[in-house]
Amino acid sequence: MEQVSRVLARINSRSAAGPSGGEPPNLDDAAGRVVNSLIRELKAIFPAWRQAWPDDESLKIYKRSMVKGFVSSGITSVEQIRFGVQACRLVASDFVPSVGRFISMCHPTPEMLGLPSETEAYAEACRNAYPNAGRVEWSHPAVSHAAREVGLFNLSTLPLKDTRALYSRAYQIVCRMLANGEPLRPILVGLPETVAGRRTREVGRAALDKLRGVTKGAPSDE
């Protein structure tokens, strides 16, 4: 399937050259389906759509703004737009969302992809980063992939506030790749499933305290 970013960029350039009012006359079928099907969906979902588009000129401006938003925000697949439409169906409002609001809806949450929430994934990553005698198990490859992007050693040694931010970014990237149907990129540096370390009572107590903070969603500055 042709990338939406290319299609929408073509729409934008042709719209700028077209006459005012109505659809640009040279809009090809593929490009027209991308934008017009989205507008049809939004009209069906939001009964007060005329508040946003009282005339053809307002609708044309909205389309052009949406096109620019897709391109600048990296919306590159029809599937991402479908996620946005799906999220719109859950909004308790009669009014069409702004372009920025709809763009944000095009990035699915982990739960929408059938993955653990970011908090659950981070807690699992921290739990598996500490030395343990049993076999490490992961609920989903996305969770372990993000953990290895951050580094198991980093997860077990850096302060909680730092690892939380690092893991959040890595997990968001992984989720975006899966939403786009992309394979997870290989990790260049192989890391062990467990991290070697001294298994003293103090180390174990510190690990438990840190994990309790993760589970409760209350990061500390350890």
N, C-alpha and C. Protein backbone atom coordinates (compact mmCIF):
# COMPACT_ATOMS: atom_id res chain seq x y z
N MET A 1 0.85 -1.20 0.00
CA MET A 1 0.00 0.00 0.00
C MET A 1 0.89 1.25 0.00
N GLU A 2 0.52 2.21 -0.82
CA GLU A 2 1.30 3.43 -0.89
C GLU A 2 1.24 4.17 0.42
N GLN A 3 2.36 4.72 0.83
CA GLN A 3 2.40 5.43 2.10
C GLN A 3 1.47 6.64 2.07
N VAL A 4 0.73 6.79 3.16
CA VAL A 4 -0.23 7.88 3.24
C VAL A 4 0.46 9.24 3.17
N SER A 5 1.66 9.33 3.73
CA SER A 5 2.36 10.61 3.71
C SER A 5 2.59 11.10 2.28
N ARG A 6 2.93 10.18 1.36
CA ARG A 6 3.13 10.58 -0.03
C ARG A 6 1.82 10.99 -0.69
N VAL A 7 0.78 10.21 -0.42
CA VAL A 7 -0.53 10.52 -0.99
C VAL A 7 -1.00 11.88 -0.50
N LEU A 8 -0.89 12.09 0.82
CA LEU A 8 -1.39 13.34 1.39
C LEU A 8 -0.55 14.54 0.97
N ALA A 9 0.74 14.33 0.79
CA ALA A 9 1.58 15.43 0.30
C ALA A 9 1.14 15.83 -1.10
N ARG A 10 0.76 14.86 -1.91
CA ARG A 10 0.27 15.14 -3.24
C ARG A 10 -1.06 15.89 -3.21
N ILE A 11 -1.92 15.47 -2.26
CA ILE A 11 -3.20 16.17 -2.09
C ILE A 11 -2.95 17.64 -1.76
N ASN A 12 -2.02 17.87 -0.84
CA ASN A 12 -1.76 19.23 -0.37
C ASN A 12 -1.28 20.12 -1.51
N SER A 13 -0.36 19.61 -2.32
CA SER A 13 0.19 20.41 -3.40
C SER A 13 -0.87 20.69 -4.47
N ARG A 14 -1.72 19.71 -4.75
CA ARG A 14 -2.76 19.89 -5.76
C ARG A 14 -3.87 20.80 -5.25
N SER A 15 -4.16 20.70 -3.95
CA SER A 15 -5.20 21.56 -3.38
C SER A 15 -4.79 23.02 -3.46
N ALA A 16 -3.48 23.27 -3.20
CA ALA A 16 -2.99 24.64 -3.23
C ALA A 16 -3.10 25.24 -4.63
N ALA A 17 -3.03 24.39 -5.65
CA ALA A 17 -3.09 24.89 -7.01
C ALA A 17 -4.50 24.92 -7.57
N GLY A 18 -5.46 24.28 -6.87
CA GLY A 18 -6.83 24.18 -7.37
C GLY A 18 -7.62 25.44 -7.16
N PRO A 19 -8.77 25.56 -7.80
CA PRO A 19 -9.62 26.74 -7.63
C PRO A 19 -10.28 26.75 -6.27
N SER A 20 -10.75 27.90 -5.85
CA SER A 20 -11.37 27.99 -4.53
C SER A 20 -12.75 27.37 -4.57
N GLY A 21 -13.12 26.73 -3.42
CA GLY A 21 -14.44 26.13 -3.31
C GLY A 21 -14.47 24.74 -3.89
N GLY A 22 -15.06 23.79 -3.16
CA GLY A 22 -15.21 22.42 -3.66
C GLY A 22 -13.90 21.66 -3.66
N GLU A 23 -13.91 20.49 -4.32
CA GLU A 23 -12.74 19.64 -4.39
C GLU A 23 -11.81 20.07 -5.52
N PRO A 24 -10.49 19.98 -5.34
CA PRO A 24 -9.57 20.24 -6.43
C PRO A 24 -9.86 19.30 -7.59
N PRO A 25 -9.91 19.77 -8.84
CA PRO A 25 -10.33 18.95 -9.96
C PRO A 25 -9.37 17.84 -10.31
N ASN A 26 -8.07 17.98 -9.97
CA ASN A 26 -7.08 16.99 -10.36
C ASN A 26 -6.76 15.98 -9.27
N LEU A 27 -7.56 15.93 -8.23
CA LEU A 27 -7.32 15.00 -7.13
C LEU A 27 -7.52 13.57 -7.62
N ASP A 28 -6.48 12.72 -7.50
CA ASP A 28 -6.62 11.36 -8.01
C ASP A 28 -7.47 10.52 -7.06
N ASP A 29 -7.88 9.35 -7.54
CA ASP A 29 -8.82 8.52 -6.78
C ASP A 29 -8.24 8.07 -5.45
N ALA A 30 -6.98 7.62 -5.45
CA ALA A 30 -6.37 7.11 -4.21
C ALA A 30 -6.30 8.20 -3.15
N ALA A 31 -5.86 9.39 -3.55
CA ALA A 31 -5.75 10.50 -2.62
C ALA A 31 -7.13 10.92 -2.12
N GLY A 32 -8.10 10.96 -3.01
CA GLY A 32 -9.44 11.36 -2.62
C GLY A 32 -10.05 10.41 -1.61
N ARG A 33 -9.80 9.12 -1.76
CA ARG A 33 -10.36 8.14 -0.83
C ARG A 33 -9.82 8.33 0.58
N VAL A 34 -8.54 8.66 0.69
CA VAL A 34 -7.93 8.82 2.02
C VAL A 34 -8.62 9.92 2.81
N VAL A 35 -8.77 11.09 2.19
CA VAL A 35 -9.33 12.24 2.91
C VAL A 35 -10.85 12.17 2.98
N ASN A 36 -11.48 11.88 1.87
CA ASN A 36 -12.95 11.92 1.85
C ASN A 36 -13.58 10.83 2.70
N SER A 37 -12.96 9.66 2.75
CA SER A 37 -13.51 8.60 3.61
C SER A 37 -13.39 8.99 5.07
N LEU A 38 -12.30 9.69 5.42
CA LEU A 38 -12.15 10.17 6.79
C LEU A 38 -13.24 11.18 7.13
N ILE A 39 -13.51 12.10 6.22
CA ILE A 39 -14.55 13.10 6.48
C ILE A 39 -15.91 12.43 6.63
N ARG A 40 -16.19 11.44 5.81
CA ARG A 40 -17.46 10.72 5.93
C ARG A 40 -17.60 10.06 7.29
N GLU A 41 -16.50 9.46 7.76
CA GLU A 41 -16.51 8.83 9.08
C GLU A 41 -16.79 9.86 10.17
N LEU A 42 -16.12 10.99 10.09
CA LEU A 42 -16.29 12.02 11.11
C LEU A 42 -17.71 12.58 11.10
N LYS A 43 -18.29 12.73 9.93
CA LYS A 43 -19.68 13.21 9.86
C LYS A 43 -20.65 12.22 10.49
N ALA A 44 -20.36 10.93 10.30
CA ALA A 44 -21.24 9.90 10.86
C ALA A 44 -21.11 9.83 12.38
N ILE A 45 -19.92 10.12 12.90
CA ILE A 45 -19.67 10.00 14.34
C ILE A 45 -20.14 11.23 15.09
N PHE A 46 -19.95 12.41 14.51
CA PHE A 46 -20.24 13.66 15.21
C PHE A 46 -21.41 14.39 14.54
N PRO A 47 -22.60 14.31 15.15
CA PRO A 47 -23.78 14.91 14.52
C PRO A 47 -23.72 16.43 14.39
N ALA A 48 -22.87 17.08 15.20
CA ALA A 48 -22.77 18.55 15.13
C ALA A 48 -21.62 18.98 14.21
N TRP A 49 -21.34 18.19 13.18
CA TRP A 49 -20.20 18.50 12.31
C TRP A 49 -20.36 19.82 11.55
N ARG A 50 -21.61 20.26 11.36
CA ARG A 50 -21.82 21.53 10.65
C ARG A 50 -21.28 22.72 11.44
N GLN A 51 -21.09 22.55 12.74
CA GLN A 51 -20.48 23.63 13.53
C GLN A 51 -19.04 23.86 13.09
N ALA A 52 -18.37 22.77 12.70
CA ALA A 52 -16.97 22.88 12.25
C ALA A 52 -16.88 23.24 10.78
N TRP A 53 -17.82 22.74 9.99
CA TRP A 53 -17.77 22.95 8.53
C TRP A 53 -19.11 23.53 8.05
N PRO A 54 -19.36 24.80 8.28
CA PRO A 54 -20.65 25.39 7.85
C PRO A 54 -20.77 25.55 6.35
N ASP A 55 -19.62 25.51 5.63
CA ASP A 55 -19.66 25.65 4.17
C ASP A 55 -18.48 24.88 3.56
N ASP A 56 -18.45 24.82 2.24
CA ASP A 56 -17.41 24.08 1.53
C ASP A 56 -16.02 24.63 1.79
N GLU A 57 -15.93 25.94 1.93
CA GLU A 57 -14.62 26.55 2.16
C GLU A 57 -14.04 26.11 3.51
N SER A 58 -14.88 26.05 4.54
CA SER A 58 -14.42 25.61 5.86
C SER A 58 -13.95 24.17 5.82
N LEU A 59 -14.68 23.33 5.08
CA LEU A 59 -14.30 21.93 4.96
C LEU A 59 -12.98 21.79 4.22
N LYS A 60 -12.80 22.58 3.18
CA LYS A 60 -11.56 22.51 2.41
C LYS A 60 -10.36 22.92 3.27
N ILE A 61 -10.54 23.95 4.08
CA ILE A 61 -9.46 24.40 4.97
C ILE A 61 -9.12 23.31 5.99
N TYR A 62 -10.16 22.66 6.52
CA TYR A 62 -9.94 21.57 7.49
C TYR A 62 -9.16 20.43 6.84
N LYS A 63 -9.51 20.08 5.61
CA LYS A 63 -8.81 19.00 4.91
C LYS A 63 -7.33 19.34 4.72
N ARG A 64 -7.08 20.57 4.28
CA ARG A 64 -5.69 20.96 4.05
C ARG A 64 -4.89 20.94 5.35
N SER A 65 -5.51 21.42 6.44
CA SER A 65 -4.84 21.43 7.73
C SER A 65 -4.59 20.00 8.21
N MET A 66 -5.54 19.10 7.96
CA MET A 66 -5.36 17.71 8.35
C MET A 66 -4.23 17.08 7.57
N VAL A 67 -4.13 17.38 6.29
CA VAL A 67 -3.05 16.87 5.45
C VAL A 67 -1.69 17.26 6.03
N LYS A 68 -1.54 18.55 6.34
CA LYS A 68 -0.28 19.04 6.89
C LYS A 68 0.02 18.37 8.23
N GLY A 69 -1.03 18.14 9.03
CA GLY A 69 -0.84 17.48 10.31
C GLY A 69 -0.37 16.05 10.15
N PHE A 70 -0.94 15.32 9.17
CA PHE A 70 -0.50 13.95 8.92
C PHE A 70 0.98 13.91 8.56
N VAL A 71 1.37 14.77 7.65
CA VAL A 71 2.75 14.75 7.16
C VAL A 71 3.72 15.14 8.27
N SER A 72 3.42 16.22 9.00
CA SER A 72 4.35 16.69 10.03
C SER A 72 4.40 15.78 11.24
N SER A 73 3.33 15.01 11.48
CA SER A 73 3.30 14.13 12.66
C SER A 73 3.70 12.69 12.35
N GLY A 74 4.09 12.43 11.11
CA GLY A 74 4.55 11.10 10.77
C GLY A 74 3.44 10.07 10.64
N ILE A 75 2.23 10.50 10.30
CA ILE A 75 1.15 9.55 10.06
C ILE A 75 1.37 8.97 8.67
N THR A 76 1.84 7.74 8.60
CA THR A 76 2.28 7.16 7.34
C THR A 76 1.52 5.92 6.91
N SER A 77 0.46 5.57 7.61
CA SER A 77 -0.30 4.39 7.21
C SER A 77 -1.79 4.63 7.43
N VAL A 78 -2.59 3.98 6.60
CA VAL A 78 -4.03 4.07 6.74
C VAL A 78 -4.46 3.51 8.09
N GLU A 79 -3.72 2.51 8.57
CA GLU A 79 -4.06 1.91 9.86
C GLU A 79 -4.00 2.93 10.99
N GLN A 80 -3.06 3.85 10.93
CA GLN A 80 -2.99 4.88 11.96
C GLN A 80 -4.24 5.76 11.95
N ILE A 81 -4.71 6.09 10.75
CA ILE A 81 -5.94 6.89 10.65
C ILE A 81 -7.12 6.10 11.20
N ARG A 82 -7.14 4.80 10.98
CA ARG A 82 -8.22 3.98 11.52
C ARG A 82 -8.21 4.00 13.04
N PHE A 83 -7.02 4.01 13.65
CA PHE A 83 -6.95 4.12 15.10
C PHE A 83 -7.58 5.44 15.56
N GLY A 84 -7.33 6.52 14.82
CA GLY A 84 -7.92 7.80 15.17
C GLY A 84 -9.43 7.77 15.09
N VAL A 85 -9.96 7.15 14.03
CA VAL A 85 -11.41 7.05 13.88
C VAL A 85 -12.00 6.20 15.00
N GLN A 86 -11.31 5.11 15.33
CA GLN A 86 -11.79 4.24 16.41
C GLN A 86 -11.85 5.01 17.73
N ALA A 87 -10.84 5.83 18.00
CA ALA A 87 -10.84 6.63 19.22
C ALA A 87 -11.97 7.66 19.21
N CYS A 88 -12.28 8.21 18.03
CA CYS A 88 -13.36 9.19 17.93
C CYS A 88 -14.70 8.58 18.34
N ARG A 89 -14.89 7.31 18.03
CA ARG A 89 -16.16 6.66 18.35
C ARG A 89 -16.37 6.55 19.86
N LEU A 90 -15.31 6.68 20.61
CA LEU A 90 -15.40 6.57 22.07
C LEU A 90 -15.51 7.93 22.76
N VAL A 91 -15.44 8.99 21.97
CA VAL A 91 -15.50 10.34 22.55
C VAL A 91 -16.95 10.72 22.83
N ALA A 92 -17.21 11.18 24.03
CA ALA A 92 -18.57 11.59 24.42
C ALA A 92 -18.79 13.05 24.04
N SER A 93 -18.86 13.29 22.75
CA SER A 93 -19.07 14.65 22.26
C SER A 93 -19.76 14.59 20.91
N ASP A 94 -20.52 15.63 20.59
CA ASP A 94 -21.18 15.72 19.30
C ASP A 94 -20.36 16.52 18.30
N PHE A 95 -19.24 17.09 18.75
CA PHE A 95 -18.50 18.02 17.92
C PHE A 95 -17.22 17.40 17.36
N VAL A 96 -16.91 17.76 16.13
CA VAL A 96 -15.71 17.25 15.44
C VAL A 96 -14.46 17.71 16.18
N PRO A 97 -13.48 16.81 16.40
CA PRO A 97 -12.25 17.23 17.09
C PRO A 97 -11.41 18.13 16.21
N SER A 98 -10.60 18.93 16.84
CA SER A 98 -9.66 19.76 16.08
C SER A 98 -8.65 18.86 15.38
N VAL A 99 -7.93 19.41 14.44
CA VAL A 99 -6.92 18.62 13.72
C VAL A 99 -5.89 18.06 14.68
N GLY A 100 -5.42 18.89 15.60
CA GLY A 100 -4.42 18.42 16.55
C GLY A 100 -4.94 17.30 17.43
N ARG A 101 -6.19 17.43 17.84
CA ARG A 101 -6.79 16.39 18.68
C ARG A 101 -6.91 15.08 17.91
N PHE A 102 -7.35 15.15 16.65
CA PHE A 102 -7.48 13.92 15.87
C PHE A 102 -6.11 13.28 15.62
N ILE A 103 -5.10 14.10 15.34
CA ILE A 103 -3.75 13.57 15.12
C ILE A 103 -3.28 12.79 16.34
N SER A 104 -3.54 13.32 17.53
CA SER A 104 -3.12 12.62 18.75
C SER A 104 -3.84 11.29 18.89
N MET A 105 -5.08 11.20 18.39
CA MET A 105 -5.84 9.95 18.47
C MET A 105 -5.31 8.89 17.51
N CYS A 106 -4.53 9.30 16.53
CA CYS A 106 -4.00 8.34 15.55
C CYS A 106 -2.85 7.52 16.11
N HIS A 107 -2.37 7.88 17.29
CA HIS A 107 -1.31 7.11 17.93
C HIS A 107 -1.96 6.23 19.00
N PRO A 108 -2.12 4.94 18.73
CA PRO A 108 -2.86 4.07 19.65
C PRO A 108 -2.14 3.86 20.97
N THR A 109 -2.91 3.63 22.00
CA THR A 109 -2.33 3.27 23.30
C THR A 109 -1.88 1.82 23.25
N PRO A 110 -0.98 1.41 24.13
CA PRO A 110 -0.57 0.00 24.16
C PRO A 110 -1.76 -0.94 24.32
N GLU A 111 -2.72 -0.55 25.15
CA GLU A 111 -3.88 -1.40 25.38
C GLU A 111 -4.67 -1.64 24.09
N MET A 112 -4.73 -0.63 23.22
CA MET A 112 -5.44 -0.78 21.95
C MET A 112 -4.75 -1.79 21.05
N LEU A 113 -3.45 -2.00 21.27
CA LEU A 113 -2.69 -2.96 20.48
C LEU A 113 -2.63 -4.33 21.14
N GLY A 114 -3.33 -4.47 22.27
CA GLY A 114 -3.29 -5.74 22.99
C GLY A 114 -2.04 -5.93 23.82
N LEU A 115 -1.37 -4.83 24.19
CA LEU A 115 -0.14 -4.86 24.98
C LEU A 115 -0.41 -4.40 26.40
N PRO A 116 0.52 -4.71 27.31
CA PRO A 116 0.39 -4.18 28.67
C PRO A 116 0.48 -2.65 28.65
N SER A 117 -0.14 -2.01 29.62
CA SER A 117 -0.01 -0.56 29.72
C SER A 117 1.44 -0.20 29.96
N GLU A 118 1.77 1.07 29.76
CA GLU A 118 3.16 1.49 29.93
C GLU A 118 3.63 1.25 31.37
N THR A 119 2.77 1.50 32.35
CA THR A 119 3.13 1.28 33.75
C THR A 119 3.38 -0.20 34.02
N GLU A 120 2.51 -1.06 33.50
CA GLU A 120 2.68 -2.50 33.69
C GLU A 120 3.94 -3.01 33.00
N ALA A 121 4.19 -2.50 31.80
CA ALA A 121 5.36 -2.94 31.05
C ALA A 121 6.66 -2.52 31.76
N TYR A 122 6.65 -1.30 32.29
CA TYR A 122 7.85 -0.81 32.99
C TYR A 122 8.10 -1.62 34.26
N ALA A 123 7.05 -1.92 35.00
CA ALA A 123 7.22 -2.73 36.21
C ALA A 123 7.78 -4.11 35.87
N GLU A 124 7.29 -4.69 34.79
CA GLU A 124 7.78 -6.00 34.35
C GLU A 124 9.25 -5.92 33.93
N ALA A 125 9.62 -4.85 33.22
CA ALA A 125 11.00 -4.68 32.79
C ALA A 125 11.94 -4.55 33.98
N CYS A 126 11.53 -3.75 34.97
CA CYS A 126 12.37 -3.59 36.17
C CYS A 126 12.48 -4.90 36.93
N ARG A 127 11.39 -5.63 37.03
CA ARG A 127 11.40 -6.91 37.74
C ARG A 127 12.36 -7.90 37.08
N ASN A 128 12.37 -7.94 35.76
CA ASN A 128 13.23 -8.87 35.04
C ASN A 128 14.67 -8.39 34.93
N ALA A 129 14.91 -7.13 35.25
CA ALA A 129 16.28 -6.62 35.17
C ALA A 129 17.11 -6.97 36.38
N TYR A 130 16.46 -7.29 37.51
CA TYR A 130 17.20 -7.61 38.71
C TYR A 130 17.64 -9.07 38.71
N PRO A 131 18.79 -9.36 39.33
CA PRO A 131 19.26 -10.75 39.40
C PRO A 131 18.22 -11.65 40.07
N ASN A 132 17.97 -12.80 39.50
CA ASN A 132 17.05 -13.75 40.11
C ASN A 132 17.45 -15.15 39.69
N ALA A 133 17.03 -16.10 40.48
CA ALA A 133 17.44 -17.49 40.26
C ALA A 133 16.59 -18.17 39.20
N GLY A 134 15.37 -17.70 38.98
CA GLY A 134 14.47 -18.34 38.02
C GLY A 134 14.67 -17.82 36.61
N ARG A 135 13.93 -18.40 35.68
CA ARG A 135 13.99 -18.01 34.28
C ARG A 135 13.17 -16.74 34.08
N VAL A 136 13.72 -15.81 33.31
CA VAL A 136 13.03 -14.57 33.04
C VAL A 136 11.93 -14.82 32.01
N GLU A 137 10.73 -14.33 32.28
CA GLU A 137 9.61 -14.48 31.37
C GLU A 137 9.04 -13.10 31.03
N TRP A 138 8.69 -12.92 29.76
CA TRP A 138 8.14 -11.66 29.29
C TRP A 138 6.72 -11.88 28.80
N SER A 139 5.84 -10.94 29.10
CA SER A 139 4.45 -11.06 28.68
C SER A 139 4.28 -10.82 27.19
N HIS A 140 5.19 -10.03 26.60
CA HIS A 140 5.12 -9.74 25.17
C HIS A 140 6.50 -9.30 24.69
N PRO A 141 6.88 -9.68 23.44
CA PRO A 141 8.19 -9.26 22.92
C PRO A 141 8.39 -7.75 22.95
N ALA A 142 7.31 -6.97 22.82
CA ALA A 142 7.45 -5.51 22.84
C ALA A 142 7.98 -5.03 24.18
N VAL A 143 7.58 -5.68 25.26
CA VAL A 143 8.02 -5.28 26.60
C VAL A 143 9.51 -5.54 26.76
N SER A 144 9.96 -6.71 26.34
CA SER A 144 11.38 -7.05 26.46
C SER A 144 12.23 -6.24 25.49
N HIS A 145 11.68 -5.97 24.31
CA HIS A 145 12.44 -5.20 23.32
C HIS A 145 12.73 -3.79 23.84
N ALA A 146 11.71 -3.15 24.42
CA ALA A 146 11.91 -1.82 24.98
C ALA A 146 12.91 -1.86 26.14
N ALA A 147 12.85 -2.94 26.95
CA ALA A 147 13.77 -3.07 28.08
C ALA A 147 15.21 -3.17 27.59
N ARG A 148 15.42 -3.92 26.53
CA ARG A 148 16.78 -4.08 26.01
C ARG A 148 17.26 -2.82 25.29
N GLU A 149 16.32 -2.04 24.76
CA GLU A 149 16.71 -0.75 24.20
C GLU A 149 17.28 0.16 25.30
N VAL A 150 16.65 0.13 26.46
CA VAL A 150 17.14 0.92 27.59
C VAL A 150 18.40 0.29 28.17
N GLY A 151 18.40 -1.05 28.25
CA GLY A 151 19.51 -1.78 28.85
C GLY A 151 19.11 -2.35 30.20
N LEU A 152 19.21 -3.67 30.34
CA LEU A 152 18.83 -4.29 31.60
C LEU A 152 19.70 -3.80 32.75
N PHE A 153 20.97 -3.58 32.48
CA PHE A 153 21.86 -3.07 33.52
C PHE A 153 21.43 -1.68 33.96
N ASN A 154 21.06 -0.84 32.98
CA ASN A 154 20.60 0.51 33.32
C ASN A 154 19.31 0.46 34.14
N LEU A 155 18.42 -0.44 33.79
CA LEU A 155 17.16 -0.55 34.53
C LEU A 155 17.37 -0.95 35.98
N SER A 156 18.42 -1.71 36.23
CA SER A 156 18.66 -2.19 37.59
C SER A 156 19.57 -1.28 38.41
N THR A 157 20.20 -0.29 37.78
CA THR A 157 21.17 0.53 38.51
C THR A 157 20.85 2.02 38.52
N LEU A 158 20.22 2.54 37.48
CA LEU A 158 19.95 3.97 37.42
C LEU A 158 18.76 4.34 38.31
N PRO A 159 18.65 5.62 38.70
CA PRO A 159 17.50 6.06 39.51
C PRO A 159 16.18 5.81 38.79
N LEU A 160 15.16 5.59 39.56
CA LEU A 160 13.85 5.25 39.01
C LEU A 160 13.33 6.33 38.06
N LYS A 161 13.50 7.60 38.41
CA LYS A 161 12.98 8.68 37.57
C LYS A 161 13.65 8.69 36.20
N ASP A 162 14.93 8.27 36.15
CA ASP A 162 15.65 8.23 34.87
C ASP A 162 15.21 7.04 34.02
N THR A 163 15.13 5.86 34.64
CA THR A 163 14.77 4.68 33.87
C THR A 163 13.32 4.74 33.40
N ARG A 164 12.46 5.39 34.19
CA ARG A 164 11.05 5.52 33.79
C ARG A 164 10.94 6.32 32.50
N ALA A 165 11.68 7.42 32.43
CA ALA A 165 11.65 8.26 31.23
C ALA A 165 12.24 7.54 30.03
N LEU A 166 13.34 6.84 30.24
CA LEU A 166 13.98 6.10 29.15
C LEU A 166 13.08 4.99 28.63
N TYR A 167 12.46 4.26 29.56
CA TYR A 167 11.61 3.16 29.14
C TYR A 167 10.35 3.67 28.45
N SER A 168 9.81 4.76 28.95
CA SER A 168 8.61 5.33 28.35
C SER A 168 8.85 5.65 26.88
N ARG A 169 9.97 6.28 26.59
CA ARG A 169 10.29 6.64 25.21
C ARG A 169 10.49 5.39 24.35
N ALA A 170 11.23 4.41 24.87
CA ALA A 170 11.49 3.19 24.12
C ALA A 170 10.21 2.41 23.85
N TYR A 171 9.33 2.35 24.84
CA TYR A 171 8.09 1.59 24.69
C TYR A 171 7.16 2.28 23.69
N GLN A 172 7.12 3.59 23.71
CA GLN A 172 6.30 4.33 22.75
C GLN A 172 6.77 4.09 21.32
N ILE A 173 8.08 4.04 21.14
CA ILE A 173 8.63 3.78 19.80
C ILE A 173 8.27 2.38 19.34
N VAL A 174 8.40 1.41 20.24
CA VAL A 174 8.07 0.02 19.91
C VAL A 174 6.59 -0.10 19.55
N CYS A 175 5.73 0.52 20.34
CA CYS A 175 4.29 0.46 20.06
C CYS A 175 3.96 1.10 18.72
N ARG A 176 4.64 2.19 18.41
CA ARG A 176 4.40 2.85 17.12
C ARG A 176 4.81 1.96 15.97
N MET A 177 5.93 1.26 16.12
CA MET A 177 6.39 0.35 15.08
C MET A 177 5.38 -0.78 14.86
N LEU A 178 4.88 -1.34 15.95
CA LEU A 178 3.90 -2.42 15.83
C LEU A 178 2.60 -1.92 15.20
N ALA A 179 2.18 -0.71 15.57
CA ALA A 179 0.96 -0.15 15.00
C ALA A 179 1.09 0.05 13.50
N ASN A 180 2.31 0.35 13.04
CA ASN A 180 2.55 0.56 11.62
C ASN A 180 2.84 -0.73 10.87
N GLY A 181 2.84 -1.86 11.60
CA GLY A 181 3.13 -3.13 10.95
C GLY A 181 4.60 -3.34 10.66
N GLU A 182 5.47 -2.60 11.34
CA GLU A 182 6.91 -2.72 11.11
C GLU A 182 7.51 -3.78 12.03
N PRO A 183 8.52 -4.51 11.57
CA PRO A 183 9.20 -5.47 12.45
C PRO A 183 10.05 -4.73 13.47
N LEU A 184 10.22 -5.32 14.63
CA LEU A 184 11.06 -4.70 15.66
C LEU A 184 12.51 -4.76 15.20
N ARG A 185 13.16 -3.63 15.24
CA ARG A 185 14.54 -3.59 14.76
C ARG A 185 15.45 -4.38 15.69
N PRO A 186 16.49 -5.00 15.14
CA PRO A 186 17.38 -5.79 16.00
C PRO A 186 18.17 -4.93 16.96
N ILE A 187 18.44 -5.48 18.13
CA ILE A 187 19.26 -4.78 19.14
C ILE A 187 20.71 -5.12 18.83
N LEU A 188 21.54 -4.10 18.66
CA LEU A 188 22.91 -4.33 18.24
C LEU A 188 23.76 -4.99 19.32
N VAL A 189 23.55 -4.60 20.55
CA VAL A 189 24.36 -5.14 21.64
C VAL A 189 23.54 -6.19 22.38
N GLY A 190 24.03 -7.44 22.35
CA GLY A 190 23.32 -8.50 23.05
C GLY A 190 23.50 -8.37 24.55
N LEU A 191 22.40 -8.42 25.28
CA LEU A 191 22.45 -8.31 26.73
C LEU A 191 21.90 -9.59 27.35
N PRO A 192 22.42 -10.01 28.49
CA PRO A 192 21.95 -11.24 29.11
C PRO A 192 20.54 -11.09 29.65
N GLU A 193 19.87 -12.22 29.82
CA GLU A 193 18.53 -12.22 30.38
C GLU A 193 18.53 -11.75 31.83
N THR A 194 19.59 -12.04 32.54
CA THR A 194 19.73 -11.58 33.92
C THR A 194 21.01 -10.79 34.04
N VAL A 195 21.07 -9.96 35.04
CA VAL A 195 22.24 -9.12 35.27
C VAL A 195 23.02 -9.67 36.45
N ALA A 196 24.29 -9.94 36.21
CA ALA A 196 25.12 -10.48 37.29
C ALA A 196 25.30 -9.42 38.37
N GLY A 197 25.27 -9.85 39.60
CA GLY A 197 25.43 -8.89 40.69
C GLY A 197 25.46 -9.60 42.03
N ARG A 198 25.86 -8.88 43.06
CA ARG A 198 25.91 -9.46 44.39
C ARG A 198 24.50 -9.58 44.94
N ARG A 199 24.16 -10.77 45.40
CA ARG A 199 22.81 -11.00 45.91
C ARG A 199 22.81 -10.91 47.44
N THR A 200 23.05 -9.71 47.93
CA THR A 200 23.05 -9.49 49.37
C THR A 200 21.65 -9.11 49.84
N ARG A 201 21.43 -9.13 51.13
CA ARG A 201 20.14 -8.76 51.67
C ARG A 201 19.83 -7.30 51.36
N GLU A 202 20.88 -6.45 51.39
CA GLU A 202 20.66 -5.03 51.12
C GLU A 202 20.24 -4.81 49.67
N VAL A 203 20.88 -5.53 48.74
CA VAL A 203 20.53 -5.40 47.33
C VAL A 203 19.10 -5.85 47.10
N GLY A 204 18.72 -6.96 47.71
CA GLY A 204 17.36 -7.46 47.55
C GLY A 204 16.33 -6.51 48.11
N ARG A 205 16.62 -5.92 49.29
CA ARG A 205 15.68 -4.99 49.89
C ARG A 205 15.52 -3.74 49.03
N ALA A 206 16.63 -3.24 48.48
CA ALA A 206 16.57 -2.06 47.61
C ALA A 206 15.76 -2.35 46.35
N ALA A 207 15.92 -3.55 45.79
CA ALA A 207 15.17 -3.92 44.60
C ALA A 207 13.68 -3.97 44.88
N LEU A 208 13.32 -4.56 46.03
CA LEU A 208 11.91 -4.66 46.38
C LEU A 208 11.30 -3.28 46.60
N ASP A 209 12.04 -2.41 47.27
CA ASP A 209 11.53 -1.06 47.52
C ASP A 209 11.29 -0.33 46.20
N LYS A 210 12.21 -0.51 45.26
CA LYS A 210 12.08 0.17 43.98
C LYS A 210 10.88 -0.35 43.20
N LEU A 211 10.70 -1.67 43.22
CA LEU A 211 9.58 -2.28 42.50
C LEU A 211 8.24 -1.88 43.11
N ARG A 212 8.21 -1.74 44.43
CA ARG A 212 6.97 -1.30 45.08
C ARG A 212 6.59 0.10 44.58
N GLY A 213 7.60 0.95 44.43
CA GLY A 213 7.33 2.29 43.93
C GLY A 213 6.82 2.26 42.51
N VAL A 214 7.34 1.35 41.66
CA VAL A 214 6.88 1.24 40.29
C VAL A 214 5.44 0.78 40.26
N THR A 215 5.12 -0.24 41.05
CA THR A 215 3.77 -0.81 41.06
C THR A 215 2.74 0.20 41.50
N LYS A 216 3.11 1.04 42.48
CA LYS A 216 2.18 2.03 42.99
C LYS A 216 2.11 3.26 42.09
N GLY A 217 3.03 3.31 41.09
CA GLY A 217 3.02 4.46 40.19
C GLY A 217 3.50 5.72 40.87
N ALA A 218 4.38 5.53 41.87
CA ALA A 218 4.90 6.71 42.58
C ALA A 218 6.40 6.68 42.52
N PRO A 219 7.01 7.17 41.39
CA PRO A 219 8.47 7.17 41.23
C PRO A 219 9.15 7.93 42.34
N SER A 220 10.32 7.41 42.75
CA SER A 220 11.12 8.07 43.77
C SER A 220 12.41 8.54 43.15
N ASP A 221 13.22 9.23 43.92
CA ASP A 221 14.50 9.77 43.43
C ASP A 221 15.66 8.95 43.94
N GLU A 222 15.49 7.65 44.05
CA GLU A 222 16.57 6.83 44.57
C GLU A 222 17.78 6.93 43.69
